[in-house]
Amino acid sequence: MTENNVNADYDAGNGMSACNPGQTFVTDLRGSSPFFAAWRPYVFSQFGKTGLVPMLYHWDYDADAQFGEVNYNNGALQLSYWVDYELGQIFPPTAGSQLLPYTATDDAELETLPVVNSDGSVVVMVANHAVNNPATDNNGPGAPRTVLLDVSALGNFSSGSLLTIDLNTNVTTGPVAATVTPTPQVTIPMNGYGVTFLTLTP
């Protein structure tokens, strides 16, 4: 997938929209906000589950808040940078990952991607794209969710970690993984739009 982005519109000149003739172009901040932290993992998961898309490319690395991972005005990292960085680190193409069978009670608002790697480690990604208010929410906060993962069928693990990217993530330094003790059920609180990765190591 050589191009994917939240909104393909751009300034066609004189501040006018290319996709909506006669209207002023407005930068869509969903491309670098917590919404992106839910949207890009959702896209990544959906394409990955088909087994037909070996690579997913971001549209533009050095650009604005709509398209970029790094702000071209000042070189500052954006939240979108950390989302794509962690997807590449946590799901490297060399890990020999295989999709695990699973059941979910909320596929409408939560995207789940559970994989087992060739070293026996397991990663479960959960992206929360629940909308706070369908009538008025445009790049809003999303809706909080508490996710209970039952990993009891996966066996025993010696260590675990949780890494979350959401509105609380420090955009300058990036997300920090928290150590968790592997248990048969793991609870993940999600503050709104965002993604959490549970990693379990044998």
N, C-alpha and C. Protein backbone atom coordinates (compact mmCIF):
# COMPACT_ATOMS: atom_id res chain seq x y z
N MET A 1 0.86 -1.17 0.00
CA MET A 1 0.00 0.00 0.00
C MET A 1 0.90 1.22 0.00
N THR A 2 0.99 1.89 -1.13
CA THR A 2 1.98 2.95 -1.30
C THR A 2 1.50 4.32 -0.82
N GLU A 3 0.22 4.49 -0.57
CA GLU A 3 -0.26 5.77 -0.04
C GLU A 3 -1.47 5.53 0.84
N ASN A 4 -1.41 6.04 2.04
CA ASN A 4 -2.60 6.06 2.90
C ASN A 4 -2.50 7.24 3.82
N ASN A 5 -3.59 7.97 3.97
CA ASN A 5 -3.65 9.15 4.81
C ASN A 5 -5.10 9.41 5.20
N VAL A 6 -5.27 10.15 6.28
CA VAL A 6 -6.60 10.41 6.80
C VAL A 6 -7.43 11.24 5.82
N ASN A 7 -6.80 12.22 5.17
CA ASN A 7 -7.51 13.14 4.29
C ASN A 7 -6.59 13.51 3.14
N ALA A 8 -7.03 13.35 1.91
CA ALA A 8 -6.20 13.59 0.73
C ALA A 8 -6.27 15.04 0.24
N ASP A 9 -7.07 15.88 0.86
CA ASP A 9 -7.21 17.26 0.41
C ASP A 9 -5.90 18.02 0.63
N TYR A 10 -5.70 19.10 -0.15
CA TYR A 10 -4.51 19.94 0.00
C TYR A 10 -4.81 21.33 -0.53
N ASP A 11 -3.89 22.23 -0.23
CA ASP A 11 -4.04 23.62 -0.67
C ASP A 11 -3.69 23.69 -2.16
N ALA A 12 -4.69 24.01 -2.99
CA ALA A 12 -4.48 24.08 -4.43
C ALA A 12 -3.95 25.44 -4.87
N GLY A 13 -3.73 26.33 -3.93
CA GLY A 13 -3.26 27.67 -4.23
C GLY A 13 -4.21 28.71 -3.67
N ASN A 14 -3.64 29.81 -3.19
CA ASN A 14 -4.45 30.90 -2.61
C ASN A 14 -5.31 30.43 -1.45
N GLY A 15 -4.87 29.34 -0.78
CA GLY A 15 -5.59 28.86 0.38
C GLY A 15 -6.89 28.15 0.09
N MET A 16 -7.06 27.71 -1.16
CA MET A 16 -8.30 27.06 -1.55
C MET A 16 -8.14 25.54 -1.61
N SER A 17 -9.23 24.85 -1.29
CA SER A 17 -9.23 23.38 -1.26
C SER A 17 -9.15 22.78 -2.66
N ALA A 18 -8.33 21.74 -2.81
CA ALA A 18 -8.24 21.03 -4.08
C ALA A 18 -9.40 20.06 -4.27
N CYS A 19 -9.89 19.50 -3.18
CA CYS A 19 -10.96 18.49 -3.27
C CYS A 19 -12.36 19.09 -3.14
N ASN A 20 -12.44 20.30 -2.64
CA ASN A 20 -13.73 20.97 -2.46
C ASN A 20 -13.67 22.35 -3.12
N PRO A 21 -13.82 22.41 -4.44
CA PRO A 21 -13.69 23.68 -5.17
C PRO A 21 -14.58 24.77 -4.58
N GLY A 22 -14.00 25.95 -4.45
CA GLY A 22 -14.75 27.08 -3.92
C GLY A 22 -14.69 27.20 -2.42
N GLN A 23 -14.12 26.20 -1.74
CA GLN A 23 -14.03 26.24 -0.29
C GLN A 23 -12.58 26.48 0.14
N THR A 24 -12.42 27.11 1.28
CA THR A 24 -11.09 27.34 1.84
C THR A 24 -10.51 26.02 2.34
N PHE A 25 -9.23 25.82 2.07
CA PHE A 25 -8.58 24.60 2.57
C PHE A 25 -8.32 24.73 4.07
N VAL A 26 -8.65 23.68 4.81
CA VAL A 26 -8.41 23.64 6.25
C VAL A 26 -7.57 22.41 6.55
N THR A 27 -6.43 22.59 7.20
CA THR A 27 -5.57 21.46 7.57
C THR A 27 -6.33 20.50 8.48
N ASP A 28 -6.31 19.23 8.13
CA ASP A 28 -7.01 18.21 8.91
C ASP A 28 -6.05 17.66 9.96
N LEU A 29 -6.24 18.07 11.18
CA LEU A 29 -5.33 17.70 12.27
C LEU A 29 -5.44 16.25 12.69
N ARG A 30 -6.41 15.51 12.14
CA ARG A 30 -6.53 14.09 12.49
C ARG A 30 -5.31 13.30 12.03
N GLY A 31 -4.53 13.86 11.10
CA GLY A 31 -3.34 13.17 10.61
C GLY A 31 -2.19 13.13 11.59
N SER A 32 -2.28 13.86 12.69
CA SER A 32 -1.19 13.85 13.67
C SER A 32 -1.70 13.93 15.11
N SER A 33 -2.98 13.69 15.29
CA SER A 33 -3.59 13.77 16.62
C SER A 33 -3.82 12.37 17.18
N PRO A 34 -4.38 12.25 18.40
CA PRO A 34 -4.69 10.92 18.93
C PRO A 34 -5.61 10.10 18.01
N PHE A 35 -6.42 10.78 17.19
CA PHE A 35 -7.24 10.05 16.22
C PHE A 35 -6.37 9.17 15.34
N PHE A 36 -5.21 9.72 14.92
CA PHE A 36 -4.29 8.96 14.08
C PHE A 36 -3.76 7.73 14.80
N ALA A 37 -3.59 7.84 16.12
CA ALA A 37 -3.08 6.71 16.91
C ALA A 37 -4.07 5.56 16.96
N ALA A 38 -5.32 5.82 16.63
CA ALA A 38 -6.31 4.76 16.49
C ALA A 38 -6.47 4.34 15.04
N TRP A 39 -6.43 5.35 14.14
CA TRP A 39 -6.72 5.10 12.72
C TRP A 39 -5.62 4.31 12.02
N ARG A 40 -4.36 4.73 12.17
CA ARG A 40 -3.29 4.03 11.45
C ARG A 40 -3.14 2.58 11.90
N PRO A 41 -3.14 2.26 13.20
CA PRO A 41 -3.12 0.87 13.61
C PRO A 41 -4.30 0.06 13.08
N TYR A 42 -5.47 0.70 12.98
CA TYR A 42 -6.64 0.04 12.39
C TYR A 42 -6.36 -0.33 10.94
N VAL A 43 -5.84 0.61 10.17
CA VAL A 43 -5.50 0.36 8.76
C VAL A 43 -4.43 -0.73 8.66
N PHE A 44 -3.40 -0.62 9.49
CA PHE A 44 -2.31 -1.59 9.52
C PHE A 44 -2.86 -3.00 9.76
N SER A 45 -3.75 -3.12 10.74
CA SER A 45 -4.32 -4.41 11.10
C SER A 45 -5.21 -4.96 10.00
N GLN A 46 -6.08 -4.10 9.46
CA GLN A 46 -7.01 -4.56 8.43
C GLN A 46 -6.28 -5.06 7.19
N PHE A 47 -5.27 -4.34 6.75
CA PHE A 47 -4.49 -4.78 5.59
C PHE A 47 -3.68 -6.03 5.92
N GLY A 48 -3.09 -6.04 7.12
CA GLY A 48 -2.28 -7.19 7.52
C GLY A 48 -3.07 -8.48 7.58
N LYS A 49 -4.30 -8.40 8.03
CA LYS A 49 -5.13 -9.60 8.17
C LYS A 49 -5.51 -10.21 6.83
N THR A 50 -5.42 -9.44 5.75
CA THR A 50 -5.73 -10.00 4.43
C THR A 50 -4.63 -10.94 3.96
N GLY A 51 -3.41 -10.74 4.49
CA GLY A 51 -2.27 -11.53 4.04
C GLY A 51 -1.77 -11.14 2.66
N LEU A 52 -2.30 -10.05 2.11
CA LEU A 52 -1.97 -9.65 0.74
C LEU A 52 -1.14 -8.37 0.66
N VAL A 53 -0.93 -7.70 1.79
CA VAL A 53 -0.23 -6.41 1.77
C VAL A 53 1.03 -6.51 2.64
N PRO A 54 2.19 -6.72 2.02
CA PRO A 54 3.41 -6.88 2.82
C PRO A 54 4.00 -5.57 3.34
N MET A 55 3.60 -4.43 2.76
CA MET A 55 4.15 -3.15 3.21
C MET A 55 3.07 -2.08 3.21
N LEU A 56 3.18 -1.15 4.17
CA LEU A 56 2.24 -0.04 4.30
C LEU A 56 3.06 1.24 4.43
N TYR A 57 2.93 2.15 3.47
CA TYR A 57 3.73 3.36 3.46
C TYR A 57 2.93 4.57 3.93
N HIS A 58 3.58 5.39 4.76
CA HIS A 58 3.01 6.69 5.12
C HIS A 58 3.13 7.60 3.91
N TRP A 59 2.19 8.55 3.77
CA TRP A 59 2.19 9.41 2.59
C TRP A 59 3.40 10.34 2.55
N ASP A 60 3.72 11.00 3.66
CA ASP A 60 4.78 12.00 3.63
C ASP A 60 5.45 12.08 5.00
N TYR A 61 6.77 12.02 5.02
CA TYR A 61 7.50 12.03 6.29
C TYR A 61 7.65 13.45 6.83
N ASP A 62 8.15 14.36 6.01
CA ASP A 62 8.45 15.72 6.41
C ASP A 62 7.39 16.64 5.81
N ALA A 63 6.35 16.95 6.59
CA ALA A 63 5.24 17.72 6.04
C ALA A 63 4.52 18.47 7.16
N ASP A 64 3.22 18.73 6.94
CA ASP A 64 2.45 19.49 7.92
C ASP A 64 1.72 18.55 8.89
N ALA A 65 0.83 19.13 9.68
CA ALA A 65 0.11 18.34 10.69
C ALA A 65 -0.90 17.39 10.06
N GLN A 66 -1.24 17.59 8.79
CA GLN A 66 -2.18 16.69 8.13
C GLN A 66 -1.49 15.47 7.53
N PHE A 67 -0.33 15.67 6.95
CA PHE A 67 0.31 14.58 6.21
C PHE A 67 1.61 14.06 6.84
N GLY A 68 2.28 14.85 7.65
CA GLY A 68 3.64 14.51 8.05
C GLY A 68 3.78 13.78 9.36
N GLU A 69 4.97 13.20 9.52
CA GLU A 69 5.37 12.63 10.80
C GLU A 69 6.30 13.59 11.53
N VAL A 70 6.97 14.43 10.75
CA VAL A 70 7.83 15.48 11.29
C VAL A 70 7.37 16.80 10.69
N ASN A 71 7.23 17.83 11.52
CA ASN A 71 6.77 19.13 11.05
C ASN A 71 7.86 19.79 10.21
N TYR A 72 7.55 20.12 8.95
CA TYR A 72 8.57 20.68 8.07
C TYR A 72 8.94 22.12 8.42
N ASN A 73 8.17 22.75 9.28
CA ASN A 73 8.48 24.12 9.67
C ASN A 73 9.57 24.20 10.73
N ASN A 74 9.55 23.23 11.66
CA ASN A 74 10.51 23.32 12.77
C ASN A 74 11.20 21.99 13.09
N GLY A 75 10.89 20.93 12.35
CA GLY A 75 11.54 19.64 12.59
C GLY A 75 11.01 18.88 13.79
N ALA A 76 9.95 19.38 14.41
CA ALA A 76 9.40 18.73 15.61
C ALA A 76 8.69 17.43 15.24
N LEU A 77 8.86 16.43 16.07
CA LEU A 77 8.15 15.17 15.86
C LEU A 77 6.67 15.36 16.15
N GLN A 78 5.85 14.60 15.43
CA GLN A 78 4.40 14.62 15.66
C GLN A 78 3.98 13.24 16.16
N LEU A 79 2.78 13.15 16.71
CA LEU A 79 2.31 11.88 17.27
C LEU A 79 2.31 10.78 16.20
N SER A 80 2.05 11.17 14.97
CA SER A 80 2.04 10.21 13.86
C SER A 80 3.39 9.52 13.70
N TYR A 81 4.47 10.22 14.02
CA TYR A 81 5.81 9.62 13.95
C TYR A 81 5.90 8.43 14.89
N TRP A 82 5.46 8.61 16.12
CA TRP A 82 5.59 7.55 17.11
C TRP A 82 4.68 6.37 16.81
N VAL A 83 3.52 6.63 16.22
CA VAL A 83 2.62 5.55 15.84
C VAL A 83 3.29 4.64 14.82
N ASP A 84 3.80 5.24 13.75
CA ASP A 84 4.43 4.43 12.71
C ASP A 84 5.74 3.81 13.18
N TYR A 85 6.49 4.54 14.01
CA TYR A 85 7.73 4.00 14.56
C TYR A 85 7.46 2.73 15.37
N GLU A 86 6.49 2.79 16.26
CA GLU A 86 6.21 1.63 17.11
C GLU A 86 5.62 0.47 16.32
N LEU A 87 4.78 0.76 15.32
CA LEU A 87 4.27 -0.33 14.48
C LEU A 87 5.42 -1.07 13.81
N GLY A 88 6.42 -0.31 13.34
CA GLY A 88 7.57 -0.93 12.69
C GLY A 88 8.46 -1.70 13.65
N GLN A 89 8.56 -1.23 14.90
CA GLN A 89 9.39 -1.90 15.90
C GLN A 89 8.71 -3.13 16.48
N ILE A 90 7.42 -3.02 16.74
CA ILE A 90 6.70 -4.09 17.41
C ILE A 90 6.30 -5.21 16.45
N PHE A 91 6.06 -4.84 15.19
CA PHE A 91 5.72 -5.83 14.17
C PHE A 91 6.76 -5.81 13.04
N PRO A 92 8.03 -6.13 13.35
CA PRO A 92 9.04 -6.11 12.28
C PRO A 92 8.79 -7.23 11.27
N PRO A 93 9.09 -6.98 10.00
CA PRO A 93 8.82 -8.01 8.98
C PRO A 93 9.66 -9.27 9.17
N THR A 94 10.71 -9.19 9.98
CA THR A 94 11.58 -10.35 10.19
C THR A 94 11.17 -11.20 11.37
N ALA A 95 10.08 -10.86 12.05
CA ALA A 95 9.70 -11.58 13.27
C ALA A 95 9.03 -12.92 12.98
N GLY A 96 8.68 -13.17 11.74
CA GLY A 96 8.00 -14.42 11.42
C GLY A 96 6.66 -14.53 12.10
N SER A 97 5.93 -13.42 12.17
CA SER A 97 4.68 -13.37 12.92
C SER A 97 3.56 -14.14 12.22
N GLN A 98 2.71 -14.73 13.04
CA GLN A 98 1.51 -15.40 12.54
C GLN A 98 0.31 -14.90 13.32
N LEU A 99 -0.78 -14.65 12.61
CA LEU A 99 -2.01 -14.19 13.25
C LEU A 99 -2.59 -15.30 14.11
N LEU A 100 -2.95 -14.96 15.34
CA LEU A 100 -3.57 -15.91 16.25
C LEU A 100 -5.09 -15.86 16.11
N PRO A 101 -5.76 -16.98 16.22
CA PRO A 101 -7.23 -16.95 16.23
C PRO A 101 -7.71 -16.28 17.52
N TYR A 102 -8.81 -15.56 17.42
CA TYR A 102 -9.33 -14.87 18.60
C TYR A 102 -10.81 -14.56 18.41
N THR A 103 -11.47 -14.26 19.51
CA THR A 103 -12.85 -13.77 19.46
C THR A 103 -12.88 -12.42 20.16
N ALA A 104 -13.76 -11.54 19.70
CA ALA A 104 -13.88 -10.20 20.28
C ALA A 104 -15.35 -9.86 20.44
N THR A 105 -15.67 -9.13 21.50
CA THR A 105 -17.05 -8.75 21.75
C THR A 105 -17.37 -7.35 21.22
N ASP A 106 -16.34 -6.62 20.75
CA ASP A 106 -16.58 -5.27 20.23
C ASP A 106 -15.67 -5.00 19.04
N ASP A 107 -16.03 -5.55 17.89
CA ASP A 107 -15.27 -5.29 16.68
C ASP A 107 -15.66 -3.97 16.03
N ALA A 108 -16.75 -3.36 16.48
CA ALA A 108 -17.22 -2.12 15.87
C ALA A 108 -16.40 -0.92 16.32
N GLU A 109 -15.85 -0.97 17.53
CA GLU A 109 -15.12 0.19 18.08
C GLU A 109 -13.67 -0.12 18.45
N LEU A 110 -13.34 -1.39 18.52
CA LEU A 110 -11.98 -1.79 18.89
C LEU A 110 -11.41 -2.70 17.81
N GLU A 111 -10.19 -2.41 17.38
CA GLU A 111 -9.51 -3.26 16.41
C GLU A 111 -8.46 -4.07 17.15
N THR A 112 -8.51 -5.39 17.02
CA THR A 112 -7.60 -6.28 17.74
C THR A 112 -6.72 -7.02 16.75
N LEU A 113 -5.42 -7.03 17.03
CA LEU A 113 -4.47 -7.76 16.20
C LEU A 113 -3.56 -8.58 17.11
N PRO A 114 -3.81 -9.89 17.27
CA PRO A 114 -2.96 -10.74 18.09
C PRO A 114 -2.04 -11.60 17.21
N VAL A 115 -0.75 -11.55 17.48
CA VAL A 115 0.20 -12.34 16.68
C VAL A 115 1.17 -13.07 17.61
N VAL A 116 1.68 -14.19 17.12
CA VAL A 116 2.76 -14.90 17.80
C VAL A 116 3.98 -14.84 16.89
N ASN A 117 5.13 -14.54 17.48
CA ASN A 117 6.37 -14.44 16.73
C ASN A 117 7.14 -15.75 16.77
N SER A 118 8.15 -15.86 15.92
CA SER A 118 8.91 -17.10 15.83
C SER A 118 9.67 -17.43 17.11
N ASP A 119 9.93 -16.42 17.96
CA ASP A 119 10.62 -16.67 19.23
C ASP A 119 9.65 -17.04 20.35
N GLY A 120 8.36 -17.18 20.03
CA GLY A 120 7.37 -17.56 21.03
C GLY A 120 6.73 -16.39 21.75
N SER A 121 7.22 -15.18 21.51
CA SER A 121 6.60 -14.01 22.12
C SER A 121 5.27 -13.72 21.44
N VAL A 122 4.38 -13.08 22.17
CA VAL A 122 3.05 -12.75 21.66
C VAL A 122 2.83 -11.25 21.80
N VAL A 123 2.27 -10.65 20.76
CA VAL A 123 1.89 -9.24 20.81
C VAL A 123 0.40 -9.15 20.50
N VAL A 124 -0.33 -8.44 21.36
CA VAL A 124 -1.74 -8.17 21.12
C VAL A 124 -1.90 -6.66 21.02
N MET A 125 -2.28 -6.18 19.85
CA MET A 125 -2.53 -4.76 19.65
C MET A 125 -4.03 -4.50 19.73
N VAL A 126 -4.40 -3.46 20.48
CA VAL A 126 -5.80 -3.03 20.55
C VAL A 126 -5.86 -1.54 20.22
N ALA A 127 -6.59 -1.19 19.18
CA ALA A 127 -6.78 0.21 18.81
C ALA A 127 -8.21 0.62 19.12
N ASN A 128 -8.35 1.70 19.85
CA ASN A 128 -9.67 2.20 20.24
C ASN A 128 -10.07 3.35 19.31
N HIS A 129 -11.03 3.08 18.41
CA HIS A 129 -11.50 4.12 17.51
C HIS A 129 -12.97 4.47 17.80
N ALA A 130 -13.41 4.25 19.03
CA ALA A 130 -14.78 4.58 19.43
C ALA A 130 -14.97 6.09 19.42
N VAL A 131 -16.04 6.54 18.77
CA VAL A 131 -16.33 7.97 18.64
C VAL A 131 -17.11 8.46 19.86
N ASN A 132 -16.73 9.62 20.35
CA ASN A 132 -17.38 10.17 21.54
C ASN A 132 -18.80 10.65 21.25
N ASN A 133 -18.99 11.39 20.16
CA ASN A 133 -20.30 11.90 19.77
C ASN A 133 -20.41 11.89 18.25
N PRO A 134 -21.10 10.93 17.67
CA PRO A 134 -21.17 10.81 16.20
C PRO A 134 -21.72 12.04 15.51
N ALA A 135 -22.53 12.84 16.19
CA ALA A 135 -23.16 14.00 15.55
C ALA A 135 -22.22 15.20 15.46
N THR A 136 -21.33 15.35 16.44
CA THR A 136 -20.53 16.57 16.50
C THR A 136 -19.02 16.33 16.59
N ASP A 137 -18.60 15.10 16.75
CA ASP A 137 -17.19 14.83 17.01
C ASP A 137 -16.37 14.87 15.73
N ASN A 138 -15.54 15.89 15.59
CA ASN A 138 -14.58 15.98 14.49
C ASN A 138 -13.21 16.19 15.10
N ASN A 139 -12.40 15.15 15.11
CA ASN A 139 -11.10 15.16 15.79
C ASN A 139 -11.27 15.41 17.29
N GLY A 140 -12.30 14.82 17.84
CA GLY A 140 -12.52 14.93 19.27
C GLY A 140 -11.66 13.96 20.05
N PRO A 141 -12.02 13.68 21.30
CA PRO A 141 -11.19 12.84 22.16
C PRO A 141 -11.40 11.34 21.98
N GLY A 142 -12.47 10.96 21.27
CA GLY A 142 -12.82 9.55 21.26
C GLY A 142 -13.55 9.20 22.54
N ALA A 143 -13.91 7.93 22.68
CA ALA A 143 -14.65 7.48 23.86
C ALA A 143 -13.80 6.50 24.66
N PRO A 144 -13.70 6.67 25.97
CA PRO A 144 -12.92 5.74 26.80
C PRO A 144 -13.49 4.33 26.74
N ARG A 145 -12.62 3.36 26.82
CA ARG A 145 -13.00 1.96 26.87
C ARG A 145 -12.05 1.23 27.82
N THR A 146 -12.57 0.21 28.49
CA THR A 146 -11.73 -0.68 29.29
C THR A 146 -11.78 -2.05 28.63
N VAL A 147 -10.61 -2.55 28.26
CA VAL A 147 -10.51 -3.80 27.52
C VAL A 147 -9.97 -4.89 28.43
N LEU A 148 -10.62 -6.04 28.45
CA LEU A 148 -10.15 -7.20 29.20
C LEU A 148 -9.68 -8.25 28.20
N LEU A 149 -8.39 -8.51 28.20
CA LEU A 149 -7.82 -9.53 27.32
C LEU A 149 -7.67 -10.83 28.08
N ASP A 150 -8.25 -11.88 27.55
CA ASP A 150 -8.08 -13.21 28.13
C ASP A 150 -7.02 -13.93 27.31
N VAL A 151 -5.83 -14.06 27.90
CA VAL A 151 -4.71 -14.71 27.20
C VAL A 151 -4.38 -16.06 27.84
N SER A 152 -5.31 -16.61 28.58
CA SER A 152 -5.06 -17.85 29.32
C SER A 152 -4.73 -19.03 28.41
N ALA A 153 -5.23 -19.01 27.18
CA ALA A 153 -4.99 -20.13 26.26
C ALA A 153 -3.60 -20.09 25.63
N LEU A 154 -2.84 -19.02 25.87
CA LEU A 154 -1.55 -18.86 25.21
C LEU A 154 -0.38 -19.46 25.98
N GLY A 155 -0.64 -19.96 27.18
CA GLY A 155 0.44 -20.57 27.96
C GLY A 155 1.04 -19.61 28.96
N ASN A 156 2.24 -19.94 29.44
CA ASN A 156 2.89 -19.15 30.48
C ASN A 156 3.97 -18.25 29.88
N PHE A 157 4.12 -17.09 30.49
CA PHE A 157 5.12 -16.13 30.05
C PHE A 157 5.90 -15.62 31.26
N SER A 158 7.15 -15.25 31.03
CA SER A 158 8.00 -14.80 32.13
C SER A 158 7.91 -13.30 32.37
N SER A 159 7.57 -12.53 31.33
CA SER A 159 7.50 -11.08 31.48
C SER A 159 6.52 -10.50 30.48
N GLY A 160 6.12 -9.26 30.74
CA GLY A 160 5.19 -8.59 29.85
C GLY A 160 5.34 -7.09 29.92
N SER A 161 4.81 -6.41 28.92
CA SER A 161 4.85 -4.95 28.91
C SER A 161 3.63 -4.41 28.19
N LEU A 162 3.25 -3.20 28.56
CA LEU A 162 2.16 -2.47 27.91
C LEU A 162 2.70 -1.15 27.41
N LEU A 163 2.46 -0.86 26.15
CA LEU A 163 2.86 0.41 25.58
C LEU A 163 1.64 1.06 24.94
N THR A 164 1.35 2.29 25.34
CA THR A 164 0.16 3.00 24.86
C THR A 164 0.56 4.30 24.17
N ILE A 165 -0.12 4.58 23.06
CA ILE A 165 0.03 5.87 22.37
C ILE A 165 -1.35 6.51 22.32
N ASP A 166 -1.48 7.65 22.98
CA ASP A 166 -2.77 8.35 23.02
C ASP A 166 -2.53 9.81 23.34
N LEU A 167 -3.56 10.51 23.82
CA LEU A 167 -3.44 11.94 24.09
C LEU A 167 -2.43 12.26 25.19
N ASN A 168 -2.06 11.27 26.00
CA ASN A 168 -1.11 11.50 27.08
C ASN A 168 0.34 11.24 26.68
N THR A 169 0.57 10.81 25.45
CA THR A 169 1.93 10.50 25.00
C THR A 169 2.75 11.77 24.81
N ASN A 170 3.96 11.78 25.35
CA ASN A 170 4.88 12.89 25.15
C ASN A 170 5.40 12.83 23.72
N VAL A 171 5.03 13.82 22.91
CA VAL A 171 5.38 13.79 21.49
C VAL A 171 6.88 13.97 21.27
N THR A 172 7.56 14.62 22.20
CA THR A 172 9.00 14.85 22.05
C THR A 172 9.80 13.59 22.34
N THR A 173 9.45 12.87 23.39
CA THR A 173 10.25 11.70 23.81
C THR A 173 9.62 10.37 23.43
N GLY A 174 8.33 10.38 23.10
CA GLY A 174 7.67 9.15 22.69
C GLY A 174 7.08 8.36 23.83
N PRO A 175 6.35 7.30 23.51
CA PRO A 175 5.69 6.48 24.54
C PRO A 175 6.71 5.65 25.32
N VAL A 176 6.35 5.32 26.54
CA VAL A 176 7.21 4.50 27.40
C VAL A 176 6.44 3.26 27.82
N ALA A 177 7.03 2.11 27.61
CA ALA A 177 6.38 0.85 27.97
C ALA A 177 6.40 0.65 29.48
N ALA A 178 5.31 0.13 30.00
CA ALA A 178 5.22 -0.19 31.43
C ALA A 178 5.30 -1.70 31.59
N THR A 179 6.04 -2.14 32.59
CA THR A 179 6.16 -3.56 32.87
C THR A 179 4.88 -4.08 33.50
N VAL A 180 4.42 -5.24 33.03
CA VAL A 180 3.25 -5.88 33.62
C VAL A 180 3.58 -7.33 33.94
N THR A 181 2.97 -7.84 34.97
CA THR A 181 3.13 -9.25 35.32
C THR A 181 2.14 -10.07 34.50
N PRO A 182 2.64 -11.05 33.74
CA PRO A 182 1.72 -11.86 32.93
C PRO A 182 0.70 -12.58 33.80
N THR A 183 -0.55 -12.42 33.46
CA THR A 183 -1.65 -13.08 34.15
C THR A 183 -2.63 -13.60 33.10
N PRO A 184 -3.51 -14.52 33.46
CA PRO A 184 -4.46 -15.05 32.47
C PRO A 184 -5.36 -13.98 31.85
N GLN A 185 -5.69 -12.94 32.62
CA GLN A 185 -6.48 -11.82 32.10
C GLN A 185 -5.72 -10.52 32.34
N VAL A 186 -5.66 -9.71 31.32
CA VAL A 186 -4.97 -8.42 31.41
C VAL A 186 -5.97 -7.31 31.10
N THR A 187 -6.07 -6.34 32.00
CA THR A 187 -6.98 -5.21 31.81
C THR A 187 -6.23 -4.03 31.21
N ILE A 188 -6.81 -3.45 30.16
CA ILE A 188 -6.20 -2.30 29.49
C ILE A 188 -7.18 -1.14 29.52
N PRO A 189 -6.90 -0.10 30.30
CA PRO A 189 -7.74 1.11 30.26
C PRO A 189 -7.32 1.98 29.09
N MET A 190 -8.29 2.44 28.31
CA MET A 190 -7.99 3.29 27.16
C MET A 190 -8.76 4.60 27.32
N ASN A 191 -8.03 5.72 27.26
CA ASN A 191 -8.60 7.03 27.58
C ASN A 191 -9.45 7.64 26.46
N GLY A 192 -9.39 7.07 25.30
CA GLY A 192 -10.08 7.60 24.12
C GLY A 192 -9.34 7.07 22.91
N TYR A 193 -9.29 7.88 21.84
CA TYR A 193 -8.55 7.44 20.66
C TYR A 193 -7.12 7.06 21.04
N GLY A 194 -6.66 5.92 20.54
CA GLY A 194 -5.29 5.50 20.81
C GLY A 194 -5.10 4.03 20.53
N VAL A 195 -3.90 3.57 20.83
CA VAL A 195 -3.54 2.17 20.61
C VAL A 195 -2.67 1.70 21.77
N THR A 196 -2.87 0.43 22.15
CA THR A 196 -2.06 -0.20 23.18
C THR A 196 -1.52 -1.52 22.67
N PHE A 197 -0.25 -1.77 22.97
CA PHE A 197 0.40 -3.03 22.59
C PHE A 197 0.75 -3.80 23.86
N LEU A 198 0.21 -5.00 23.98
CA LEU A 198 0.61 -5.91 25.06
C LEU A 198 1.62 -6.89 24.48
N THR A 199 2.81 -6.93 25.06
CA THR A 199 3.84 -7.87 24.63
C THR A 199 4.11 -8.86 25.75
N LEU A 200 4.05 -10.15 25.43
CA LEU A 200 4.28 -11.23 26.39
C LEU A 200 5.47 -12.04 25.92
N THR A 201 6.44 -12.24 26.82
CA THR A 201 7.68 -12.91 26.48
C THR A 201 7.83 -14.20 27.26
N PRO A 202 8.17 -15.33 26.59
CA PRO A 202 8.32 -16.62 27.29
C PRO A 202 9.41 -16.56 28.37
